[in-house]
Amino acid sequence: MTTINDPDTTTRAELMDVYRSWWLHDARWYQGVVKRFGPAVANEINAEALRFVATSIGRKVARQFGGNPARDMEELRQRYEMCADRTFPRELRDLQAVVLDDDVIEVVMRQNFAVTMVRMAGSLEGYECPCTEVHAGWSDGLGVPLAENCSTGCLRFGDPACRMLIRVKPEGVQS
């Protein structure tokens, strides 16, 4: 006997299936671009698209705070984690943002679904993580000017975690 789900209700399993379908699309899209135009073009287009999405996500999070700048680095850290929640499914990542200094936040991701999916698709060779573009997009959307945005570790290269340092310009947070 077949049952029909309530069309207004999506189960967690159905949602995960939607995620998997989009990841399969992304993997095939990336592989197709690599095959036809090479990894440099695929990585460039991937980074551009992710920055666009990340900027949109940052804007949505900023609107939750009335578009006002973060009161301090702790609030800004929370905003970056909110951006991560809207970018990466919680069950497929292990991310923590930590305030290191008056102007520095470190984002640490011990599980990254994108690297996992690229590895599973057999596309890890030549793949460049667009993590700096994601964090730059979040920052753009949040209205946070950056003095520095760099990666200090990457799961793609076998490091135990992706580590990003985000140094905020002084005008990026209210004093």
N, C-alpha and C. Protein backbone atom coordinates (compact mmCIF):
# COMPACT_ATOMS: atom_id res chain seq x y z
N MET A 1 0.84 -1.18 0.00
CA MET A 1 0.00 0.00 0.00
C MET A 1 0.89 1.25 0.00
N THR A 2 0.61 2.18 -0.87
CA THR A 2 1.37 3.41 -0.97
C THR A 2 0.66 4.50 -0.18
N THR A 3 1.46 5.27 0.56
CA THR A 3 0.89 6.41 1.27
C THR A 3 1.39 7.69 0.62
N ILE A 4 0.59 8.68 0.68
CA ILE A 4 0.95 9.97 0.10
C ILE A 4 1.24 10.92 1.25
N ASN A 5 2.42 11.51 1.22
CA ASN A 5 2.80 12.47 2.26
C ASN A 5 2.00 13.75 2.12
N ASP A 6 1.82 14.41 3.21
CA ASP A 6 1.19 15.72 3.22
C ASP A 6 2.07 16.65 2.37
N PRO A 7 1.52 17.26 1.32
CA PRO A 7 2.35 18.11 0.45
C PRO A 7 2.90 19.35 1.15
N ASP A 8 2.36 19.69 2.31
CA ASP A 8 2.84 20.86 3.04
C ASP A 8 3.91 20.49 4.08
N THR A 9 4.28 19.22 4.15
CA THR A 9 5.23 18.76 5.14
C THR A 9 6.41 18.07 4.45
N THR A 10 7.60 18.45 4.81
CA THR A 10 8.80 17.81 4.28
C THR A 10 9.50 17.12 5.45
N THR A 11 9.73 15.84 5.30
CA THR A 11 10.44 15.11 6.35
C THR A 11 11.93 15.40 6.25
N ARG A 12 12.63 15.10 7.31
CA ARG A 12 14.09 15.28 7.33
C ARG A 12 14.74 14.41 6.25
N ALA A 13 14.26 13.19 6.10
CA ALA A 13 14.81 12.28 5.08
C ALA A 13 14.59 12.84 3.68
N GLU A 14 13.41 13.42 3.44
CA GLU A 14 13.13 14.02 2.13
C GLU A 14 14.04 15.22 1.88
N LEU A 15 14.25 16.01 2.90
CA LEU A 15 15.13 17.16 2.78
C LEU A 15 16.57 16.73 2.47
N MET A 16 17.04 15.70 3.16
CA MET A 16 18.39 15.19 2.90
C MET A 16 18.50 14.66 1.47
N ASP A 17 17.42 14.06 0.97
CA ASP A 17 17.44 13.57 -0.41
C ASP A 17 17.54 14.74 -1.39
N VAL A 18 16.88 15.85 -1.08
CA VAL A 18 17.00 17.04 -1.92
C VAL A 18 18.44 17.54 -1.90
N TYR A 19 19.06 17.62 -0.71
CA TYR A 19 20.47 18.01 -0.61
C TYR A 19 21.34 17.10 -1.48
N ARG A 20 21.15 15.79 -1.34
CA ARG A 20 21.98 14.84 -2.09
C ARG A 20 21.81 15.03 -3.59
N SER A 21 20.61 15.31 -4.03
CA SER A 21 20.38 15.53 -5.46
C SER A 21 21.12 16.77 -5.95
N TRP A 22 21.09 17.83 -5.18
CA TRP A 22 21.80 19.05 -5.57
C TRP A 22 23.31 18.84 -5.53
N TRP A 23 23.79 18.08 -4.56
CA TRP A 23 25.23 17.81 -4.50
C TRP A 23 25.66 16.96 -5.69
N LEU A 24 24.81 16.02 -6.08
CA LEU A 24 25.10 15.22 -7.27
C LEU A 24 25.16 16.13 -8.49
N HIS A 25 24.21 17.06 -8.58
CA HIS A 25 24.24 18.04 -9.67
C HIS A 25 25.54 18.82 -9.65
N ASP A 26 25.90 19.35 -8.48
CA ASP A 26 27.13 20.13 -8.36
C ASP A 26 28.35 19.32 -8.78
N ALA A 27 28.42 18.08 -8.34
CA ALA A 27 29.56 17.23 -8.68
C ALA A 27 29.64 17.01 -10.19
N ARG A 28 28.52 16.71 -10.81
CA ARG A 28 28.51 16.47 -12.26
C ARG A 28 28.80 17.76 -13.03
N TRP A 29 28.26 18.88 -12.54
CA TRP A 29 28.51 20.17 -13.18
C TRP A 29 30.00 20.48 -13.14
N TYR A 30 30.59 20.35 -11.95
CA TYR A 30 32.01 20.65 -11.79
C TYR A 30 32.84 19.74 -12.70
N GLN A 31 32.54 18.44 -12.70
CA GLN A 31 33.29 17.50 -13.54
C GLN A 31 33.14 17.84 -15.02
N GLY A 32 31.94 18.24 -15.43
CA GLY A 32 31.72 18.61 -16.82
C GLY A 32 32.54 19.83 -17.23
N VAL A 33 32.60 20.83 -16.37
CA VAL A 33 33.39 22.03 -16.67
C VAL A 33 34.88 21.67 -16.71
N VAL A 34 35.34 20.85 -15.75
CA VAL A 34 36.75 20.42 -15.75
C VAL A 34 37.08 19.70 -17.05
N LYS A 35 36.22 18.80 -17.46
CA LYS A 35 36.46 18.00 -18.67
C LYS A 35 36.53 18.87 -19.92
N ARG A 36 35.62 19.85 -20.00
CA ARG A 36 35.56 20.67 -21.21
C ARG A 36 36.53 21.86 -21.20
N PHE A 37 36.74 22.47 -20.04
CA PHE A 37 37.50 23.72 -19.99
C PHE A 37 38.69 23.71 -19.05
N GLY A 38 38.84 22.67 -18.25
CA GLY A 38 39.96 22.55 -17.33
C GLY A 38 39.61 22.97 -15.92
N PRO A 39 40.43 22.53 -14.94
CA PRO A 39 40.15 22.80 -13.53
C PRO A 39 40.23 24.28 -13.16
N ALA A 40 41.10 25.04 -13.83
CA ALA A 40 41.21 26.46 -13.47
C ALA A 40 39.89 27.18 -13.72
N VAL A 41 39.24 26.91 -14.84
CA VAL A 41 37.96 27.54 -15.16
C VAL A 41 36.88 27.05 -14.19
N ALA A 42 36.85 25.74 -13.94
CA ALA A 42 35.85 25.20 -13.02
C ALA A 42 35.99 25.82 -11.63
N ASN A 43 37.21 25.93 -11.13
CA ASN A 43 37.44 26.51 -9.81
C ASN A 43 37.07 27.99 -9.78
N GLU A 44 37.37 28.71 -10.84
CA GLU A 44 37.03 30.14 -10.90
C GLU A 44 35.51 30.34 -10.89
N ILE A 45 34.79 29.59 -11.70
CA ILE A 45 33.34 29.72 -11.74
C ILE A 45 32.72 29.29 -10.42
N ASN A 46 33.23 28.22 -9.83
CA ASN A 46 32.74 27.74 -8.54
C ASN A 46 32.91 28.81 -7.47
N ALA A 47 34.09 29.43 -7.42
CA ALA A 47 34.36 30.47 -6.42
C ALA A 47 33.45 31.68 -6.63
N GLU A 48 33.25 32.10 -7.88
CA GLU A 48 32.36 33.23 -8.16
C GLU A 48 30.93 32.94 -7.71
N ALA A 49 30.45 31.75 -8.03
CA ALA A 49 29.08 31.38 -7.66
C ALA A 49 28.92 31.30 -6.15
N LEU A 50 29.88 30.70 -5.47
CA LEU A 50 29.79 30.58 -4.02
C LEU A 50 29.87 31.94 -3.34
N ARG A 51 30.70 32.83 -3.86
CA ARG A 51 30.77 34.17 -3.26
C ARG A 51 29.42 34.88 -3.41
N PHE A 52 28.79 34.75 -4.56
CA PHE A 52 27.48 35.35 -4.78
C PHE A 52 26.47 34.83 -3.76
N VAL A 53 26.43 33.51 -3.59
CA VAL A 53 25.50 32.90 -2.64
C VAL A 53 25.84 33.35 -1.22
N ALA A 54 27.13 33.34 -0.86
CA ALA A 54 27.54 33.73 0.50
C ALA A 54 27.19 35.19 0.79
N THR A 55 27.33 36.07 -0.19
CA THR A 55 26.96 37.47 0.00
C THR A 55 25.46 37.59 0.28
N SER A 56 24.66 36.84 -0.46
CA SER A 56 23.22 36.84 -0.23
C SER A 56 22.89 36.35 1.18
N ILE A 57 23.55 35.31 1.61
CA ILE A 57 23.33 34.76 2.96
C ILE A 57 23.74 35.80 4.00
N GLY A 58 24.88 36.45 3.82
CA GLY A 58 25.32 37.49 4.76
C GLY A 58 24.30 38.62 4.87
N ARG A 59 23.71 39.00 3.75
CA ARG A 59 22.69 40.06 3.77
C ARG A 59 21.46 39.64 4.58
N LYS A 60 21.05 38.39 4.40
CA LYS A 60 19.90 37.88 5.16
C LYS A 60 20.18 37.89 6.66
N VAL A 61 21.37 37.48 7.04
CA VAL A 61 21.74 37.49 8.46
C VAL A 61 21.80 38.93 8.97
N ALA A 62 22.39 39.83 8.19
CA ALA A 62 22.46 41.24 8.60
C ALA A 62 21.07 41.82 8.83
N ARG A 63 20.11 41.46 7.99
CA ARG A 63 18.74 41.95 8.15
C ARG A 63 18.13 41.49 9.47
N GLN A 64 18.53 40.33 9.95
CA GLN A 64 18.03 39.85 11.24
C GLN A 64 18.45 40.78 12.38
N PHE A 65 19.50 41.55 12.15
CA PHE A 65 20.01 42.49 13.15
C PHE A 65 19.70 43.93 12.76
N GLY A 66 18.69 44.10 11.92
CA GLY A 66 18.28 45.43 11.50
C GLY A 66 19.29 46.13 10.62
N GLY A 67 20.23 45.39 10.05
CA GLY A 67 21.25 45.98 9.20
C GLY A 67 22.33 46.72 9.97
N ASN A 68 22.28 46.65 11.29
CA ASN A 68 23.26 47.36 12.12
C ASN A 68 24.57 46.57 12.22
N PRO A 69 25.68 47.28 12.38
CA PRO A 69 26.95 46.57 12.57
C PRO A 69 26.93 45.78 13.88
N ALA A 70 27.76 44.75 13.94
CA ALA A 70 27.88 43.97 15.17
C ALA A 70 28.38 44.87 16.29
N ARG A 71 27.84 44.64 17.49
CA ARG A 71 28.24 45.45 18.66
C ARG A 71 29.67 45.18 19.08
N ASP A 72 30.10 43.94 18.90
CA ASP A 72 31.46 43.55 19.30
C ASP A 72 31.85 42.30 18.53
N MET A 73 33.06 41.83 18.77
CA MET A 73 33.56 40.66 18.04
C MET A 73 32.77 39.40 18.38
N GLU A 74 32.27 39.28 19.59
CA GLU A 74 31.48 38.10 19.95
C GLU A 74 30.19 38.06 19.12
N GLU A 75 29.54 39.19 18.96
CA GLU A 75 28.32 39.20 18.13
C GLU A 75 28.67 38.92 16.67
N LEU A 76 29.79 39.45 16.20
CA LEU A 76 30.21 39.18 14.83
C LEU A 76 30.51 37.69 14.66
N ARG A 77 31.14 37.07 15.63
CA ARG A 77 31.40 35.64 15.60
C ARG A 77 30.08 34.87 15.46
N GLN A 78 29.08 35.28 16.23
CA GLN A 78 27.77 34.63 16.16
C GLN A 78 27.15 34.81 14.77
N ARG A 79 27.35 35.97 14.19
CA ARG A 79 26.80 36.21 12.86
C ARG A 79 27.47 35.30 11.81
N TYR A 80 28.78 35.12 11.94
CA TYR A 80 29.47 34.20 11.02
C TYR A 80 28.94 32.78 11.19
N GLU A 81 28.69 32.37 12.42
CA GLU A 81 28.14 31.03 12.64
C GLU A 81 26.73 30.93 12.06
N MET A 82 25.95 32.00 12.15
CA MET A 82 24.61 32.00 11.53
C MET A 82 24.73 31.87 10.01
N CYS A 83 25.71 32.55 9.43
CA CYS A 83 25.95 32.41 7.99
C CYS A 83 26.30 30.96 7.66
N ALA A 84 27.14 30.36 8.47
CA ALA A 84 27.52 28.96 8.25
C ALA A 84 26.31 28.05 8.32
N ASP A 85 25.41 28.33 9.28
CA ASP A 85 24.19 27.52 9.42
C ASP A 85 23.33 27.59 8.16
N ARG A 86 23.36 28.72 7.48
CA ARG A 86 22.55 28.89 6.27
C ARG A 86 23.28 28.42 5.01
N THR A 87 24.58 28.14 5.15
CA THR A 87 25.39 27.73 4.01
C THR A 87 25.62 26.22 3.98
N PHE A 88 25.91 25.65 5.14
CA PHE A 88 26.28 24.24 5.22
C PHE A 88 25.33 23.52 6.16
N PRO A 89 24.74 22.42 5.72
CA PRO A 89 23.86 21.66 6.62
C PRO A 89 24.62 21.24 7.88
N ARG A 90 24.04 21.49 9.01
CA ARG A 90 24.66 21.23 10.31
C ARG A 90 25.15 19.79 10.44
N GLU A 91 24.36 18.84 9.94
CA GLU A 91 24.73 17.44 10.10
C GLU A 91 25.90 17.03 9.20
N LEU A 92 26.29 17.89 8.28
CA LEU A 92 27.39 17.57 7.37
C LEU A 92 28.57 18.51 7.54
N ARG A 93 28.68 19.10 8.71
CA ARG A 93 29.82 19.97 8.98
C ARG A 93 30.09 19.99 10.46
N ASP A 94 31.27 20.37 10.80
CA ASP A 94 31.66 20.58 12.19
C ASP A 94 32.41 21.90 12.19
N LEU A 95 31.70 22.99 12.41
CA LEU A 95 32.27 24.32 12.29
C LEU A 95 32.14 25.07 13.60
N GLN A 96 33.20 25.81 13.91
CA GLN A 96 33.19 26.67 15.09
C GLN A 96 33.96 27.93 14.76
N ALA A 97 33.37 29.07 15.09
CA ALA A 97 34.06 30.35 14.95
C ALA A 97 34.50 30.79 16.34
N VAL A 98 35.74 31.26 16.43
CA VAL A 98 36.33 31.64 17.72
C VAL A 98 36.96 33.02 17.59
N VAL A 99 36.69 33.90 18.56
CA VAL A 99 37.35 35.21 18.58
C VAL A 99 38.76 35.01 19.13
N LEU A 100 39.77 35.37 18.34
CA LEU A 100 41.16 35.20 18.76
C LEU A 100 41.77 36.48 19.32
N ASP A 101 41.27 37.62 18.84
CA ASP A 101 41.87 38.89 19.21
C ASP A 101 40.82 39.98 19.02
N ASP A 102 41.20 41.22 19.25
CA ASP A 102 40.28 42.35 19.11
C ASP A 102 39.70 42.47 17.71
N ASP A 103 40.42 41.93 16.72
CA ASP A 103 39.98 42.10 15.34
C ASP A 103 40.06 40.81 14.51
N VAL A 104 40.26 39.66 15.17
CA VAL A 104 40.45 38.41 14.43
C VAL A 104 39.47 37.33 14.89
N ILE A 105 38.84 36.70 13.91
CA ILE A 105 37.99 35.53 14.15
C ILE A 105 38.61 34.39 13.36
N GLU A 106 38.71 33.24 14.02
CA GLU A 106 39.16 32.04 13.32
C GLU A 106 37.94 31.14 13.13
N VAL A 107 37.74 30.70 11.90
CA VAL A 107 36.68 29.76 11.58
C VAL A 107 37.35 28.41 11.37
N VAL A 108 36.93 27.42 12.16
CA VAL A 108 37.51 26.08 12.08
C VAL A 108 36.41 25.11 11.66
N MET A 109 36.67 24.37 10.59
CA MET A 109 35.71 23.38 10.11
C MET A 109 36.42 22.02 10.05
N ARG A 110 36.00 21.12 10.94
CA ARG A 110 36.62 19.80 11.02
C ARG A 110 35.98 18.80 10.07
N GLN A 111 34.81 19.11 9.58
CA GLN A 111 34.16 18.30 8.55
C GLN A 111 33.57 19.29 7.56
N ASN A 112 33.86 19.07 6.30
CA ASN A 112 33.40 19.98 5.26
C ASN A 112 32.70 19.14 4.20
N PHE A 113 31.38 19.28 4.09
CA PHE A 113 30.65 18.43 3.15
C PHE A 113 31.10 18.65 1.71
N ALA A 114 31.55 19.86 1.36
CA ALA A 114 31.97 20.12 -0.02
C ALA A 114 33.19 19.27 -0.36
N VAL A 115 34.18 19.25 0.52
CA VAL A 115 35.38 18.44 0.28
C VAL A 115 35.01 16.97 0.23
N THR A 116 34.13 16.56 1.14
CA THR A 116 33.68 15.16 1.16
C THR A 116 33.00 14.80 -0.16
N MET A 117 32.11 15.65 -0.63
CA MET A 117 31.38 15.37 -1.87
C MET A 117 32.31 15.38 -3.08
N VAL A 118 33.24 16.33 -3.13
CA VAL A 118 34.18 16.40 -4.25
C VAL A 118 35.05 15.14 -4.25
N ARG A 119 35.48 14.72 -3.07
CA ARG A 119 36.28 13.49 -2.96
C ARG A 119 35.46 12.29 -3.45
N MET A 120 34.20 12.19 -2.99
CA MET A 120 33.34 11.07 -3.39
C MET A 120 33.07 11.07 -4.90
N ALA A 121 33.03 12.25 -5.50
CA ALA A 121 32.78 12.35 -6.93
C ALA A 121 34.04 12.08 -7.75
N GLY A 122 35.18 11.91 -7.07
CA GLY A 122 36.42 11.65 -7.78
C GLY A 122 37.01 12.89 -8.43
N SER A 123 36.67 14.06 -7.92
CA SER A 123 37.12 15.32 -8.52
C SER A 123 38.11 16.09 -7.65
N LEU A 124 38.68 15.44 -6.64
CA LEU A 124 39.54 16.17 -5.70
C LEU A 124 40.83 16.68 -6.37
N GLU A 125 41.34 15.91 -7.32
CA GLU A 125 42.55 16.33 -8.04
C GLU A 125 42.25 17.62 -8.80
N GLY A 126 42.97 18.67 -8.49
CA GLY A 126 42.79 19.95 -9.17
C GLY A 126 41.75 20.86 -8.53
N TYR A 127 40.96 20.33 -7.59
CA TYR A 127 39.93 21.14 -6.94
C TYR A 127 40.58 22.14 -6.00
N GLU A 128 40.15 23.38 -6.07
CA GLU A 128 40.61 24.42 -5.16
C GLU A 128 39.44 24.85 -4.29
N CYS A 129 39.64 24.78 -3.00
CA CYS A 129 38.59 25.18 -2.07
C CYS A 129 38.33 26.68 -2.21
N PRO A 130 37.07 27.07 -2.33
CA PRO A 130 36.73 28.48 -2.44
C PRO A 130 36.41 29.11 -1.08
N CYS A 131 37.00 28.58 -0.01
CA CYS A 131 36.63 29.02 1.33
C CYS A 131 36.86 30.51 1.56
N THR A 132 37.95 31.06 1.03
CA THR A 132 38.16 32.50 1.24
C THR A 132 37.07 33.32 0.55
N GLU A 133 36.57 32.84 -0.59
CA GLU A 133 35.50 33.54 -1.28
C GLU A 133 34.19 33.44 -0.50
N VAL A 134 33.94 32.29 0.13
CA VAL A 134 32.74 32.14 0.95
C VAL A 134 32.79 33.13 2.11
N HIS A 135 33.91 33.18 2.82
CA HIS A 135 34.01 34.09 3.97
C HIS A 135 34.01 35.55 3.54
N ALA A 136 34.61 35.84 2.38
CA ALA A 136 34.56 37.21 1.86
C ALA A 136 33.11 37.59 1.51
N GLY A 137 32.36 36.64 0.95
CA GLY A 137 30.96 36.90 0.63
C GLY A 137 30.13 37.14 1.88
N TRP A 138 30.32 36.27 2.90
CA TRP A 138 29.60 36.50 4.16
C TRP A 138 29.90 37.91 4.67
N SER A 139 31.18 38.27 4.67
CA SER A 139 31.60 39.57 5.18
C SER A 139 30.99 40.70 4.37
N ASP A 140 31.00 40.58 3.04
CA ASP A 140 30.37 41.60 2.18
C ASP A 140 28.89 41.75 2.55
N GLY A 141 28.21 40.63 2.66
CA GLY A 141 26.79 40.66 2.99
C GLY A 141 26.50 41.23 4.36
N LEU A 142 27.39 40.94 5.31
CA LEU A 142 27.24 41.47 6.66
C LEU A 142 27.67 42.93 6.76
N GLY A 143 28.31 43.45 5.71
CA GLY A 143 28.81 44.82 5.74
C GLY A 143 30.07 44.97 6.56
N VAL A 144 30.88 43.92 6.61
CA VAL A 144 32.10 43.90 7.42
C VAL A 144 33.31 44.01 6.50
N PRO A 145 34.04 45.13 6.56
CA PRO A 145 35.25 45.26 5.74
C PRO A 145 36.38 44.43 6.35
N LEU A 146 37.08 43.68 5.51
CA LEU A 146 38.15 42.82 5.98
C LEU A 146 39.53 43.40 5.68
N ALA A 147 40.43 43.24 6.63
CA ALA A 147 41.83 43.60 6.42
C ALA A 147 42.60 42.37 5.96
N GLU A 148 42.10 41.18 6.33
CA GLU A 148 42.77 39.93 5.96
C GLU A 148 41.73 38.81 5.92
N ASN A 149 41.92 37.90 4.99
CA ASN A 149 41.05 36.74 4.84
C ASN A 149 41.91 35.64 4.23
N CYS A 150 42.38 34.72 5.06
CA CYS A 150 43.28 33.70 4.55
C CYS A 150 43.02 32.34 5.17
N SER A 151 43.43 31.32 4.45
CA SER A 151 43.33 29.95 4.92
C SER A 151 44.67 29.55 5.54
N THR A 152 44.61 28.91 6.71
CA THR A 152 45.83 28.42 7.35
C THR A 152 45.84 26.90 7.47
N GLY A 153 44.82 26.26 6.94
CA GLY A 153 44.73 24.81 6.93
C GLY A 153 43.55 24.39 6.08
N CYS A 154 43.65 23.18 5.47
CA CYS A 154 42.58 22.75 4.58
C CYS A 154 42.44 21.23 4.60
N LEU A 155 41.21 20.78 4.81
CA LEU A 155 40.93 19.35 4.78
C LEU A 155 41.30 18.74 3.43
N ARG A 156 41.17 19.51 2.39
CA ARG A 156 41.46 19.04 1.04
C ARG A 156 42.90 18.55 0.93
N PHE A 157 43.81 19.13 1.71
CA PHE A 157 45.22 18.75 1.67
C PHE A 157 45.59 17.81 2.82
N GLY A 158 44.58 17.28 3.51
CA GLY A 158 44.84 16.32 4.57
C GLY A 158 45.04 16.92 5.95
N ASP A 159 44.87 18.24 6.07
CA ASP A 159 44.96 18.87 7.40
C ASP A 159 43.78 18.39 8.24
N PRO A 160 43.90 18.40 9.57
CA PRO A 160 42.80 17.93 10.42
C PRO A 160 41.57 18.84 10.38
N ALA A 161 41.73 20.06 9.86
CA ALA A 161 40.60 20.99 9.79
C ALA A 161 40.90 22.08 8.76
N CYS A 162 39.82 22.65 8.23
CA CYS A 162 39.96 23.88 7.46
C CYS A 162 40.02 24.99 8.49
N ARG A 163 40.98 25.87 8.38
CA ARG A 163 41.13 26.99 9.31
C ARG A 163 41.24 28.27 8.50
N MET A 164 40.38 29.22 8.86
CA MET A 164 40.36 30.51 8.20
C MET A 164 40.58 31.61 9.22
N LEU A 165 41.43 32.54 8.90
CA LEU A 165 41.59 33.73 9.74
C LEU A 165 40.91 34.90 9.03
N ILE A 166 40.03 35.55 9.75
CA ILE A 166 39.31 36.71 9.24
C ILE A 166 39.67 37.89 10.13
N ARG A 167 40.45 38.82 9.59
CA ARG A 167 40.83 40.02 10.34
C ARG A 167 39.95 41.17 9.86
N VAL A 168 39.24 41.76 10.78
CA VAL A 168 38.26 42.81 10.48
C VAL A 168 38.96 44.18 10.56
N LYS A 169 38.66 45.03 9.59
CA LYS A 169 39.15 46.41 9.67
C LYS A 169 38.49 47.08 10.87
N PRO A 170 39.15 48.07 11.46
CA PRO A 170 38.63 48.69 12.69
C PRO A 170 37.18 49.20 12.57
N GLU A 171 36.77 49.67 11.40
CA GLU A 171 35.42 50.19 11.26
C GLU A 171 34.38 49.07 11.08
N GLY A 172 34.82 47.82 11.11
CA GLY A 172 33.92 46.69 10.89
C GLY A 172 33.01 46.33 12.06
N VAL A 173 33.34 46.77 13.26
CA VAL A 173 32.57 46.46 14.46
C VAL A 173 32.41 47.74 15.26
N GLN A 174 31.21 47.93 15.84
CA GLN A 174 31.01 49.11 16.70
C GLN A 174 31.94 49.02 17.90
N SER A 175 32.34 50.14 18.42
CA SER A 175 33.19 50.14 19.62
C SER A 175 32.40 50.53 20.83
